[in-house]
Amino acid sequence: MITTDSVNGVVRRGRLGRTARFAARWRGRRDGARGVPRVPLPAPPEEERGKTPPPPIEPPAPELLITPYVMEVRTGVRRATEQMRAALIGREHALLSRLRAESVRVVTQYDVREDPRPAALARYGHWMGQWRTSVDRCRSHAQAVVDQANQRLACYWDAVRETHPQLSRLPRRPPGDWLPGRVELDGSWYQPDVWLLDDDSAGTATSRALRILERQNTDRVDGRTAR
């Protein structure tokens, strides 16, 4: 069960602390003053130099703005979320072993013996629901790590733009989605069933059992709709 305390804990983990904000901005000011990242941007016309502020420029392509700091943040998030995934699988080892063993029994009952057992499949579905709920809970923590990393990047780039000789010519307010190196949670976090297939000792038993379960759920929904 997800309690109020656990939700508040995720919120706290997603908030960027004062020290982290200061460190990100310090790194950004330092990189900007050194001209990092080095991007090919058009210089203002010769006759306009020294007379008026140079005109705003369009944001460079994000792939040109991958600095060592951005790589450091992205690598840290990838390592942290992979560790969270490994810890989750370790905690749920007994449940995963039970699901894989039950997958073989489901496939044997439905495909080999052709003797459907809805009660057994329902039990399998209950365990599968427990696994998906565990992944959902862990994903909320992983997303908090990602959100915090993006806050660090936002502070970093804001500081870079203050001191960088070329990026300081960006519009005062770049597009709302302008965050070079933005971190995204790996898509597998939204497909927890895929993780069951990594070490499937029964070959395709798990994937087949999942299809049988999905088919029964679909048939049940279609039956209710027909009524």
Protein backbone atom coordinates (compact mmCIF):
# COMPACT_ATOMS: atom_id res chain seq x y z
CA MET A 1 0.00 0.00 0.00
CA ILE A 2 1.26 3.48 -0.85
CA THR A 3 0.94 5.60 2.28
CA THR A 4 1.04 9.36 2.75
CA ASP A 5 4.52 9.04 4.23
CA SER A 6 5.83 7.24 1.16
CA VAL A 7 4.31 9.87 -1.14
CA ASN A 8 5.85 12.67 0.90
CA GLY A 9 9.18 10.86 0.75
CA VAL A 10 9.04 10.85 -3.05
CA VAL A 11 8.23 14.56 -3.06
CA ARG A 12 11.20 15.28 -0.82
CA ARG A 13 13.50 13.25 -3.04
CA GLY A 14 12.29 15.14 -6.10
CA ARG A 15 13.04 18.55 -4.59
CA LEU A 16 16.45 20.02 -5.33
CA GLY A 17 18.27 21.17 -2.21
CA ARG A 18 20.03 24.49 -1.81
CA THR A 19 23.51 22.96 -1.94
CA ALA A 20 22.73 21.07 -5.16
CA ARG A 21 21.32 24.22 -6.77
CA PHE A 22 24.41 26.21 -5.80
CA ALA A 23 26.74 23.51 -7.12
CA ALA A 24 24.88 23.31 -10.45
CA ARG A 25 24.89 27.07 -10.91
CA TRP A 26 28.57 27.33 -9.95
CA ARG A 27 29.45 24.72 -12.54
CA GLY A 28 27.33 26.52 -15.11
CA ARG A 29 28.98 29.88 -14.50
CA ARG A 30 32.41 28.31 -14.70
CA ASP A 31 31.66 26.47 -17.94
CA GLY A 32 30.03 29.53 -19.49
CA ALA A 33 33.01 31.76 -18.68
CA ARG A 34 35.28 29.17 -20.36
CA GLY A 35 33.10 29.10 -23.46
CA VAL A 36 31.79 25.59 -22.77
CA PRO A 37 30.02 24.27 -24.75
CA ARG A 38 31.76 25.47 -27.89
CA VAL A 39 29.09 25.90 -30.52
CA PRO A 40 29.30 27.49 -33.98
CA LEU A 41 27.03 30.52 -33.76
CA PRO A 42 26.92 33.47 -36.17
CA ALA A 43 28.75 36.57 -35.01
CA PRO A 44 26.93 39.92 -35.14
CA PRO A 45 27.67 42.13 -38.18
CA GLU A 46 30.92 44.10 -37.91
CA GLU A 47 29.19 47.47 -38.04
CA GLU A 48 26.87 46.57 -35.13
CA ARG A 49 29.60 45.48 -32.74
CA GLY A 50 29.98 47.77 -29.78
CA LYS A 51 26.98 49.88 -30.76
CA THR A 52 23.98 47.85 -29.68
CA PRO A 53 23.52 44.53 -27.94
CA PRO A 54 23.83 41.67 -30.44
CA PRO A 55 20.48 40.36 -31.69
CA PRO A 56 19.03 37.21 -30.06
CA ILE A 57 19.86 33.92 -31.67
CA GLU A 58 17.96 30.69 -32.11
CA PRO A 59 18.85 27.94 -29.59
CA PRO A 60 21.46 25.58 -31.06
CA ALA A 61 20.57 21.93 -31.64
CA PRO A 62 20.51 20.08 -28.28
CA GLU A 63 23.09 17.53 -29.47
CA LEU A 64 25.63 20.37 -29.74
CA LEU A 65 25.17 21.25 -26.08
CA ILE A 66 26.23 18.05 -24.35
CA THR A 67 28.89 19.14 -21.88
CA PRO A 68 30.86 17.03 -19.39
CA TYR A 69 28.50 18.20 -16.64
CA VAL A 70 25.46 17.06 -18.62
CA MET A 71 27.07 13.67 -19.18
CA GLU A 72 27.90 13.46 -15.48
CA VAL A 73 24.27 14.10 -14.50
CA ARG A 74 22.89 11.67 -17.07
CA THR A 75 25.33 8.92 -16.09
CA GLY A 76 24.50 9.40 -12.42
CA VAL A 77 20.79 9.02 -13.09
CA ARG A 78 21.30 5.93 -15.21
CA ARG A 79 23.43 4.33 -12.52
CA ALA A 80 20.98 5.25 -9.74
CA THR A 81 17.90 3.96 -11.56
CA GLU A 82 19.66 0.74 -12.57
CA GLN A 83 20.58 0.19 -8.92
CA MET A 84 16.93 0.78 -7.95
CA ARG A 85 15.81 -1.74 -10.54
CA ALA A 86 18.33 -4.32 -9.31
CA ALA A 87 17.26 -3.75 -5.70
CA LEU A 88 13.60 -4.19 -6.66
CA ILE A 89 14.30 -7.48 -8.43
CA GLY A 90 16.30 -8.64 -5.43
CA ARG A 91 13.49 -7.77 -3.00
CA GLU A 92 10.88 -9.47 -5.16
CA HIS A 93 12.98 -12.54 -5.97
CA ALA A 94 10.52 -14.93 -4.31
CA LEU A 95 7.55 -13.44 -6.16
CA LEU A 96 9.39 -13.55 -9.49
CA SER A 97 10.36 -17.20 -8.95
CA ARG A 98 6.74 -18.00 -8.14
CA LEU A 99 5.52 -16.21 -11.27
CA ARG A 100 7.95 -18.04 -13.53
CA ALA A 101 7.07 -21.41 -12.04
CA GLU A 102 3.36 -20.66 -12.29
CA SER A 103 3.82 -19.57 -15.91
CA VAL A 104 4.92 -23.10 -16.78
CA ARG A 105 1.87 -24.57 -15.05
CA VAL A 106 -0.49 -22.16 -16.80
CA VAL A 107 0.95 -22.95 -20.22
CA THR A 108 0.87 -26.68 -19.52
CA GLN A 109 -2.75 -26.52 -18.38
CA TYR A 110 -4.01 -24.33 -21.21
CA ASP A 111 -1.83 -25.32 -24.17
CA VAL A 112 -0.71 -28.88 -23.47
CA ARG A 113 -3.61 -30.39 -21.55
CA GLU A 114 -6.15 -27.97 -23.04
CA ASP A 115 -7.93 -27.96 -19.69
CA PRO A 116 -8.46 -24.30 -18.69
CA ARG A 117 -8.42 -23.57 -14.97
CA PRO A 118 -9.79 -20.03 -14.43
CA ALA A 119 -9.14 -20.15 -10.68
CA ALA A 120 -5.45 -20.95 -11.20
CA LEU A 121 -5.16 -18.25 -13.85
CA ALA A 122 -6.83 -15.77 -11.49
CA ARG A 123 -4.23 -16.61 -8.84
CA TYR A 124 -1.51 -16.04 -11.42
CA GLY A 125 -3.10 -12.71 -12.31
CA HIS A 126 -3.16 -11.72 -8.63
CA TRP A 127 0.58 -12.33 -8.32
CA MET A 128 1.20 -10.48 -11.55
CA GLY A 129 -0.74 -7.55 -10.12
CA GLN A 130 1.50 -7.57 -7.06
CA TRP A 131 4.58 -7.40 -9.27
CA ARG A 132 3.22 -4.52 -11.34
CA THR A 133 2.28 -2.61 -8.20
CA SER A 134 5.80 -3.03 -6.83
CA VAL A 135 7.26 -1.69 -10.07
CA ASP A 136 4.83 1.26 -10.02
CA ARG A 137 5.92 2.16 -6.51
CA CYS A 138 9.61 1.89 -7.38
CA ARG A 139 9.07 3.87 -10.58
CA SER A 140 7.74 6.82 -8.58
CA HIS A 141 11.07 6.92 -6.71
CA ALA A 142 13.04 6.57 -9.95
CA GLN A 143 11.03 9.40 -11.51
CA ALA A 144 11.89 11.59 -8.51
CA VAL A 145 15.58 10.98 -9.26
CA VAL A 146 15.01 11.96 -12.90
CA ASP A 147 13.07 15.10 -11.95
CA GLN A 148 15.80 16.19 -9.56
CA ALA A 149 18.42 15.70 -12.26
CA ASN A 150 16.45 17.88 -14.66
CA GLN A 151 16.22 20.57 -12.00
CA ARG A 152 20.01 20.47 -11.70
CA LEU A 153 20.32 20.80 -15.48
CA ALA A 154 17.91 23.74 -15.50
CA CYS A 155 20.01 25.55 -12.87
CA TYR A 156 23.18 24.71 -14.77
CA TRP A 157 21.98 26.02 -18.13
CA ASP A 158 20.52 29.15 -16.57
CA ALA A 159 23.98 29.93 -15.18
CA VAL A 160 25.74 29.01 -18.43
CA ARG A 161 23.62 31.54 -20.29
CA GLU A 162 24.67 34.29 -17.89
CA THR A 163 28.38 34.03 -18.67
CA HIS A 164 28.75 32.24 -22.02
CA PRO A 165 29.92 34.68 -24.74
CA GLN A 166 27.56 33.21 -27.32
CA LEU A 167 24.73 31.50 -25.43
CA SER A 168 24.15 34.76 -23.54
CA ARG A 169 22.58 35.92 -26.81
CA LEU A 170 19.74 33.46 -26.44
CA PRO A 171 16.32 35.03 -25.86
CA ARG A 172 15.74 36.03 -22.27
CA ARG A 173 13.21 33.24 -22.02
CA PRO A 174 14.07 30.30 -24.31
CA PRO A 175 11.29 27.91 -25.34
CA GLY A 176 9.71 26.17 -22.39
CA ASP A 177 11.04 22.78 -23.47
CA TRP A 178 14.62 24.03 -23.92
CA LEU A 179 16.70 21.82 -21.64
CA PRO A 180 19.69 20.30 -23.47
CA GLY A 181 20.52 16.84 -22.17
CA ARG A 182 17.12 16.40 -20.54
CA VAL A 183 16.95 13.12 -18.62
CA GLU A 184 14.13 10.67 -19.34
CA LEU A 185 13.24 7.55 -17.40
CA ASP A 186 14.03 4.38 -19.33
CA GLY A 187 10.95 3.12 -21.14
CA SER A 188 11.20 -0.34 -19.59
CA TRP A 189 9.94 1.15 -16.31
CA TYR A 190 6.54 1.45 -18.01
CA GLN A 191 6.65 -2.18 -19.21
CA PRO A 192 7.31 -4.18 -16.02
CA ASP A 193 6.31 -7.44 -17.68
CA VAL A 194 9.41 -7.20 -19.90
CA TRP A 195 11.63 -7.58 -16.84
CA LEU A 196 10.09 -10.99 -16.22
CA LEU A 197 11.40 -12.22 -19.54
CA ASP A 198 15.07 -11.39 -18.94
CA ASP A 199 15.85 -14.59 -17.03
CA ASP A 200 12.94 -16.72 -18.15
CA SER A 201 14.36 -20.22 -17.58
CA ALA A 202 11.26 -21.76 -19.19
CA GLY A 203 11.97 -20.16 -22.55
CA THR A 204 8.73 -18.59 -23.77
CA ALA A 205 6.53 -19.87 -20.93
CA THR A 206 6.25 -16.49 -19.20
CA SER A 207 5.43 -14.56 -22.35
CA ARG A 208 2.85 -17.22 -23.33
CA ALA A 209 1.25 -17.21 -19.88
CA LEU A 210 0.98 -13.42 -20.02
CA ARG A 211 -0.83 -13.65 -23.37
CA ILE A 212 -3.25 -16.21 -21.93
CA LEU A 213 -3.91 -13.92 -18.96
CA GLU A 214 -4.42 -10.92 -21.23
CA ARG A 215 -6.79 -12.89 -23.46
CA GLN A 216 -8.92 -13.90 -20.49
CA ASN A 217 -9.06 -10.31 -19.24
CA THR A 218 -10.07 -9.12 -22.69
CA ASP A 219 -12.77 -11.80 -22.98
CA ARG A 220 -14.12 -10.84 -19.57
CA VAL A 221 -14.33 -7.17 -20.55
CA ASP A 222 -15.97 -8.02 -23.89
CA GLY A 223 -18.51 -10.22 -22.07
CA ARG A 224 -19.44 -7.40 -19.73
CA THR A 225 -19.79 -4.99 -22.64
CA ALA A 226 -22.06 -7.41 -24.50
CA ARG A 227 -24.35 -7.63 -21.49
